[in-house]
Amino acid sequence: MVGFGYTLMTEQSSPRDLVTHSAAAERAGFDFEVMSDHYFPWLKEQGHSPYAWSVLGAVTQATQRVELMTYVTAPIMRYHPAVVAQKAATIGLLSQDRFTLGVGSGENLNEHVVGAGWPPVNVRHEMLSEALRIIRSLFDGGYVNFAGSHYRVDSAKLWDLPGRRVPIATAVSGDQSIHRFAPLSDAMIAVEPNDAFCREWDSVANRDATRKIGQIPIAWDPDRDAAVRRAWEQFRWFAGGWKVNAELPGPQAFAAATQYARLEDVGSGIPCGPDVEPIVSAVAKFWEAGFTDVALVQVGVDKDPDGFFRFAENELLPALREAAPR
């Protein structure tokens, strides 16, 4: 059965609210929860960006059942891969084996803060490949030494490993990243419902029943016009696509890049308003493409979290499960 998740979006909620939302999403019946890992919000209107790993630690104690996942962490600049492995193992233990480490090659928006410049995409892919090898080796247990083109590891060891090896899901955007990362990963992450991605991933991974985890924004609100306005204010950056979004350096740049985006453009690209049917139709594109899991983003959840989670429990999740293939 397709799994339906909720996105704990650090860019749009405070740390305490994220923890509260995590418990509410579990009670509403979501199967898993993913969390973004940012240093900046995409747009200043979003207004937040706490440290994801501290919040995740709290979320492990506020929830009992749902799977947890980073969506995604970039173990290439802000974080050394050996430290990411330690963080992931710790969250695996705190969550009692409910954690999946979602990784990607990052965005300039978040990584530029360490002052090391922003490498071109081919170099970022090289860095992520080395990072994955380091993380996987540390998950194996024992001491790890590594000397690569981008990272060195000197006699590192994880002293606290969970009973279940932490799965790794890697974000991809095309054939190059699929062929590089599928052999090093347990699952695929993508935000575009592209069936070619799923077929190619399965072919390269050469494993059965590999998970493919997608994500889609929605803007539920009893007033559709209010939902469209909120989606425009907070999520118009989404239309830029990965190749643009990975390169822009800050919220001001995203505001400039999207200054001509129209309300109707955003409203046609993101399901907005009180109705279930447009959301189901949009999510269905993912399972039709071969995705096994889809995480929803409620844009501007802080406006009415109780209303959204009631809607999810009573209307949205039942409708999605009824429509999804078994």
Protein backbone atom coordinates (compact mmCIF):
# COMPACT_ATOMS: atom_id res chain seq x y z
CA MET A 1 0.00 0.00 0.00
CA VAL A 2 1.16 3.54 -0.72
CA GLY A 3 2.42 5.33 2.40
CA PHE A 4 1.29 8.89 3.09
CA GLY A 5 3.49 11.22 5.08
CA TYR A 6 3.42 14.67 6.60
CA THR A 7 6.20 17.21 6.12
CA LEU A 8 7.56 18.96 9.21
CA MET A 9 8.78 21.96 7.27
CA THR A 10 11.33 23.78 9.37
CA GLU A 11 11.11 26.87 7.15
CA GLN A 12 7.52 27.64 8.12
CA SER A 13 7.16 26.69 11.82
CA SER A 14 8.98 27.25 15.11
CA PRO A 15 10.76 24.37 16.91
CA ARG A 16 8.03 23.88 19.51
CA ASP A 17 5.27 24.03 16.91
CA LEU A 18 7.08 21.43 14.79
CA VAL A 19 7.11 19.04 17.74
CA THR A 20 3.41 19.70 18.38
CA HIS A 21 2.62 19.12 14.71
CA SER A 22 4.54 15.84 14.73
CA ALA A 23 2.28 14.43 17.44
CA ALA A 24 -0.84 15.79 15.74
CA ALA A 25 0.15 14.23 12.42
CA GLU A 26 0.65 10.85 14.08
CA ARG A 27 -2.76 11.06 15.76
CA ALA A 28 -4.33 12.02 12.42
CA GLY A 29 -3.05 8.78 10.91
CA PHE A 30 -0.10 9.74 8.73
CA ASP A 31 2.25 6.82 8.09
CA PHE A 32 5.53 8.74 8.25
CA GLU A 33 6.91 12.22 8.79
CA VAL A 34 9.75 13.94 6.98
CA MET A 35 11.67 17.02 8.09
CA SER A 36 13.55 19.57 6.02
CA ASP A 37 17.06 20.54 7.15
CA HIS A 38 17.68 24.22 6.36
CA TYR A 39 19.75 27.15 7.56
CA PHE A 40 17.52 29.67 5.77
CA PRO A 41 13.87 29.72 4.75
CA TRP A 42 13.22 29.90 1.01
CA LEU A 43 11.34 33.19 1.42
CA LYS A 44 11.32 35.63 4.33
CA GLU A 45 7.52 35.24 4.57
CA GLN A 46 8.07 31.68 5.83
CA GLY A 47 9.94 33.15 8.76
CA HIS A 48 11.67 30.15 10.41
CA SER A 49 14.60 27.77 10.17
CA PRO A 50 15.51 25.98 13.42
CA TYR A 51 18.17 23.27 13.65
CA ALA A 52 16.45 20.19 12.32
CA TRP A 53 18.41 17.60 14.31
CA SER A 54 17.55 19.11 17.68
CA VAL A 55 13.89 19.18 16.69
CA LEU A 56 14.10 15.58 15.48
CA GLY A 57 15.37 14.49 18.87
CA ALA A 58 12.29 16.01 20.48
CA VAL A 59 10.02 14.52 17.82
CA THR A 60 11.28 11.02 18.62
CA GLN A 61 9.87 11.46 22.11
CA ALA A 62 6.63 13.15 21.04
CA THR A 63 5.72 10.31 18.64
CA GLN A 64 5.53 6.54 19.01
CA ARG A 65 4.55 4.98 15.72
CA VAL A 66 5.39 7.05 12.65
CA GLU A 67 8.57 6.61 10.67
CA LEU A 68 10.81 9.70 10.69
CA MET A 69 13.06 10.94 7.92
CA THR A 70 15.23 13.89 6.93
CA TYR A 71 14.06 15.31 3.62
CA VAL A 72 16.87 16.08 3.10
CA THR A 73 20.20 16.55 4.84
CA ALA A 74 23.22 17.54 2.76
CA PRO A 75 26.32 15.82 4.22
CA ILE A 76 28.72 17.80 2.05
CA MET A 77 29.60 21.21 3.58
CA ARG A 78 27.71 22.33 6.70
CA TYR A 79 28.05 18.81 8.07
CA HIS A 80 30.95 16.41 7.75
CA PRO A 81 29.71 12.95 6.70
CA ALA A 82 31.14 11.31 9.83
CA VAL A 83 29.08 13.67 11.99
CA VAL A 84 25.94 13.01 9.93
CA ALA A 85 26.42 9.29 10.51
CA GLN A 86 26.64 9.89 14.27
CA LYS A 87 23.50 12.06 14.24
CA ALA A 88 21.55 9.54 12.18
CA ALA A 89 22.53 6.63 14.43
CA THR A 90 21.50 8.63 17.50
CA ILE A 91 18.08 9.47 16.04
CA GLY A 92 17.72 5.82 15.07
CA LEU A 93 18.23 4.86 18.70
CA LEU A 94 16.00 7.58 20.14
CA SER A 95 13.20 6.69 17.72
CA GLN A 96 13.57 2.94 18.35
CA ASP A 97 14.42 2.14 14.73
CA ARG A 98 11.93 4.50 13.08
CA PHE A 99 14.45 6.74 11.31
CA THR A 100 15.56 6.90 7.68
CA LEU A 101 18.42 9.19 6.71
CA GLY A 102 17.37 11.21 3.67
CA VAL A 103 20.30 12.92 1.94
CA GLY A 104 20.95 15.12 -1.07
CA SER A 105 23.61 17.28 -2.68
CA GLY A 106 22.30 20.44 -1.06
CA GLU A 107 21.41 24.02 -1.97
CA ASN A 108 23.53 27.14 -2.00
CA LEU A 109 20.81 28.69 0.21
CA ASN A 110 21.95 26.60 3.17
CA GLU A 111 25.54 25.60 2.49
CA HIS A 112 27.05 29.01 1.67
CA VAL A 113 27.00 29.96 5.36
CA VAL A 114 30.26 28.09 6.06
CA GLY A 115 32.09 30.38 3.62
CA ALA A 116 33.59 27.64 1.46
CA GLY A 117 32.01 28.72 -1.83
CA TRP A 118 29.41 26.79 -3.81
CA PRO A 119 30.77 23.97 -5.99
CA PRO A 120 29.31 23.08 -9.40
CA VAL A 121 26.85 20.20 -9.50
CA ASN A 122 29.34 17.60 -10.73
CA VAL A 123 31.61 18.35 -7.76
CA ARG A 124 28.67 18.21 -5.35
CA HIS A 125 27.79 14.79 -6.71
CA GLU A 126 31.37 13.64 -6.17
CA MET A 127 31.20 14.93 -2.61
CA LEU A 128 27.90 13.19 -1.92
CA SER A 129 29.24 9.91 -3.31
CA GLU A 130 32.21 10.06 -0.93
CA ALA A 131 29.91 11.07 1.93
CA LEU A 132 27.64 8.09 1.32
CA ARG A 133 30.59 5.70 1.34
CA ILE A 134 31.78 7.15 4.65
CA ILE A 135 28.33 7.00 6.25
CA ARG A 136 27.70 3.44 5.08
CA SER A 137 31.09 2.32 6.40
CA LEU A 138 30.38 3.85 9.80
CA PHE A 139 26.96 2.16 9.89
CA ASP A 140 28.82 -1.14 9.42
CA GLY A 141 30.49 -0.64 12.81
CA GLY A 142 34.17 -0.72 13.60
CA TYR A 143 36.80 1.90 12.90
CA VAL A 144 36.76 3.80 9.61
CA ASN A 145 39.62 5.52 7.86
CA PHE A 146 39.00 7.28 4.57
CA ALA A 147 41.07 9.42 2.23
CA GLY A 148 39.16 10.81 -0.72
CA SER A 149 39.27 13.81 -3.02
CA HIS A 150 36.96 15.80 -0.73
CA TYR A 151 36.99 14.21 2.74
CA ARG A 152 39.30 12.51 5.15
CA VAL A 153 38.25 10.39 8.09
CA ASP A 154 40.74 9.41 10.77
CA SER A 155 39.89 6.38 12.88
CA ALA A 156 36.19 7.19 13.34
CA LYS A 157 33.75 4.81 15.01
CA LEU A 158 30.10 5.02 16.04
CA TRP A 159 29.82 3.81 19.61
CA ASP A 160 26.01 3.82 19.70
CA LEU A 161 24.37 2.03 16.79
CA PRO A 162 20.65 1.18 16.59
CA GLY A 163 19.49 -2.41 16.29
CA ARG A 164 18.21 -1.71 12.78
CA ARG A 165 20.76 -0.31 10.39
CA VAL A 166 19.55 3.18 9.44
CA PRO A 167 18.30 3.10 5.83
CA ILE A 168 19.59 5.78 3.47
CA ALA A 169 17.32 7.50 0.95
CA THR A 170 18.98 9.76 -1.62
CA ALA A 171 17.47 12.63 -3.61
CA VAL A 172 17.86 12.45 -7.39
CA SER A 173 16.91 14.68 -10.30
CA GLY A 174 17.94 12.75 -13.41
CA ASP A 175 19.93 9.91 -14.92
CA GLN A 176 23.32 11.16 -13.72
CA SER A 177 22.33 11.25 -10.06
CA ILE A 178 20.34 8.01 -10.30
CA HIS A 179 23.27 6.06 -11.73
CA ARG A 180 25.67 7.53 -9.19
CA PHE A 181 23.56 7.15 -6.04
CA ALA A 182 21.22 4.17 -6.51
CA PRO A 183 23.95 1.59 -5.80
CA LEU A 184 24.80 3.41 -2.54
CA SER A 185 21.24 3.92 -1.29
CA ASP A 186 18.28 1.99 0.07
CA ALA A 187 15.56 4.27 -1.33
CA MET A 188 14.99 7.10 -3.81
CA ILE A 189 13.76 10.63 -3.09
CA ALA A 190 12.34 12.91 -5.79
CA VAL A 191 9.81 15.74 -5.86
CA GLU A 192 8.75 15.21 -9.48
CA PRO A 193 6.32 12.35 -10.31
CA ASN A 194 8.52 11.06 -13.11
CA ASP A 195 8.00 7.41 -13.99
CA ALA A 196 11.33 7.32 -15.82
CA PHE A 197 13.10 8.06 -12.53
CA CYS A 198 11.43 5.07 -10.88
CA ARG A 199 12.20 2.68 -13.74
CA GLU A 200 15.81 3.79 -14.00
CA TRP A 201 16.32 3.64 -10.24
CA ASP A 202 15.06 0.07 -10.06
CA SER A 203 17.23 -0.90 -13.01
CA VAL A 204 20.40 0.56 -11.49
CA ALA A 205 19.71 -0.44 -7.89
CA ASN A 206 19.05 -4.01 -9.04
CA ARG A 207 16.94 -4.72 -5.96
CA ASP A 208 13.29 -5.60 -5.52
CA ALA A 209 10.77 -3.44 -3.64
CA THR A 210 12.96 -0.35 -3.43
CA ARG A 211 11.10 2.59 -1.92
CA LYS A 212 10.58 5.79 -3.91
CA ILE A 213 9.56 8.71 -1.74
CA GLY A 214 7.95 11.81 -3.25
CA GLN A 215 6.67 15.08 -1.85
CA ILE A 216 3.89 17.46 -2.85
CA PRO A 217 2.72 20.82 -1.46
CA ILE A 218 -0.96 21.48 -0.79
CA ALA A 219 -2.75 24.48 0.71
CA TRP A 220 -5.88 23.36 2.52
CA ASP A 221 -8.19 26.13 3.70
CA PRO A 222 -11.99 26.52 3.86
CA ASP A 223 -11.49 29.65 1.73
CA ARG A 224 -9.82 28.79 -1.59
CA ASP A 225 -8.79 32.40 -2.30
CA ALA A 226 -7.04 32.56 1.06
CA ALA A 227 -5.29 29.27 0.31
CA VAL A 228 -4.06 30.52 -3.07
CA ARG A 229 -2.79 33.75 -1.52
CA ARG A 230 -0.93 31.83 1.19
CA ALA A 231 0.56 29.42 -1.36
CA TRP A 232 1.79 32.38 -3.39
CA GLU A 233 3.28 34.14 -0.38
CA GLN A 234 5.15 31.12 0.98
CA PHE A 235 5.61 28.60 -1.81
CA ARG A 236 6.02 30.38 -5.14
CA TRP A 237 9.72 29.41 -5.01
CA PHE A 238 8.68 25.78 -5.62
CA ALA A 239 8.02 26.43 -9.31
CA GLY A 240 11.68 27.23 -9.95
CA GLY A 241 12.71 23.60 -10.14
CA TRP A 242 15.72 21.89 -8.61
CA LYS A 243 18.36 23.26 -10.99
CA VAL A 244 17.41 26.85 -10.15
CA ASN A 245 16.57 26.32 -6.48
CA ALA A 246 19.92 24.67 -5.77
CA GLU A 247 21.88 27.69 -7.00
CA LEU A 248 20.21 30.77 -5.49
CA PRO A 249 22.01 32.07 -2.37
CA GLY A 250 19.28 33.50 -0.12
CA PRO A 251 15.63 34.46 0.46
CA GLN A 252 16.15 37.78 -1.33
CA ALA A 253 17.29 35.95 -4.44
CA PHE A 254 14.24 33.68 -4.35
CA ALA A 255 11.99 36.71 -3.92
CA ALA A 256 13.58 38.38 -6.95
CA ALA A 257 13.43 35.22 -9.04
CA THR A 258 9.71 34.79 -8.34
CA GLN A 259 8.59 38.42 -8.38
CA TYR A 260 6.57 37.91 -11.55
CA ALA A 261 4.87 34.70 -10.43
CA ARG A 262 1.10 35.19 -10.53
CA LEU A 263 -1.48 33.98 -8.05
CA GLU A 264 -3.19 31.95 -10.74
CA ASP A 265 0.10 30.27 -11.71
CA VAL A 266 0.66 29.09 -8.14
CA GLY A 267 -3.00 28.17 -7.68
CA SER A 268 -2.93 25.97 -10.76
CA GLY A 269 0.26 24.19 -9.69
CA ILE A 270 -0.61 23.55 -6.04
CA PRO A 271 -3.95 22.06 -4.90
CA CYS A 272 -5.60 24.87 -2.93
CA GLY A 273 -8.83 25.11 -0.97
CA PRO A 274 -11.20 22.88 0.98
CA ASP A 275 -11.80 20.07 -1.52
CA VAL A 276 -10.30 16.58 -1.34
CA GLU A 277 -10.53 15.70 -5.03
CA PRO A 278 -7.83 18.06 -6.38
CA ILE A 279 -5.38 16.80 -3.76
CA VAL A 280 -6.07 13.15 -4.54
CA SER A 281 -5.67 13.82 -8.26
CA ALA A 282 -2.32 15.52 -7.71
CA VAL A 283 -0.99 12.85 -5.35
CA ALA A 284 -2.14 10.08 -7.70
CA LYS A 285 0.45 11.20 -10.24
CA PHE A 286 3.12 9.93 -7.87
CA TRP A 287 1.78 6.43 -7.34
CA GLU A 288 0.96 6.19 -11.05
CA ALA A 289 4.63 6.96 -11.73
CA GLY A 290 5.74 4.16 -9.38
CA PHE A 291 6.34 5.99 -6.11
CA THR A 292 5.68 3.97 -2.97
CA ASP A 293 5.41 6.90 -0.54
CA VAL A 294 4.28 10.52 -0.78
CA ALA A 295 4.82 13.23 1.86
CA LEU A 296 2.40 16.16 1.90
CA VAL A 297 3.35 19.74 2.79
CA GLN A 298 0.52 21.81 4.23
CA VAL A 299 1.58 25.31 3.17
CA GLY A 300 1.13 27.70 6.08
CA VAL A 301 0.07 25.03 8.54
CA ASP A 302 0.41 27.44 11.46
CA LYS A 303 -2.67 29.36 10.30
CA ASP A 304 -5.00 26.54 11.42
CA PRO A 305 -3.14 23.37 12.41
CA ASP A 306 -6.09 21.86 14.25
CA GLY A 307 -8.34 22.38 11.24
CA PHE A 308 -5.83 20.83 8.87
CA PHE A 309 -5.18 17.74 10.97
CA ARG A 310 -8.94 17.19 11.43
CA PHE A 311 -9.34 17.45 7.67
CA ALA A 312 -6.47 15.01 7.14
CA GLU A 313 -7.87 12.48 9.59
CA ASN A 314 -11.53 12.64 8.59
CA GLU A 315 -11.39 13.34 4.86
CA LEU A 316 -8.00 13.47 3.17
CA LEU A 317 -6.24 10.31 4.36
CA PRO A 318 -9.33 8.10 3.94
CA ALA A 319 -9.78 9.43 0.40
CA LEU A 320 -6.11 8.88 -0.49
CA ARG A 321 -6.14 5.32 0.85
CA GLU A 322 -9.35 4.54 -0.97
CA ALA A 323 -7.93 5.79 -4.26
CA ALA A 324 -4.39 4.40 -3.97
CA PRO A 325 -3.47 0.97 -5.37
CA ARG A 326 -2.95 -1.85 -2.90
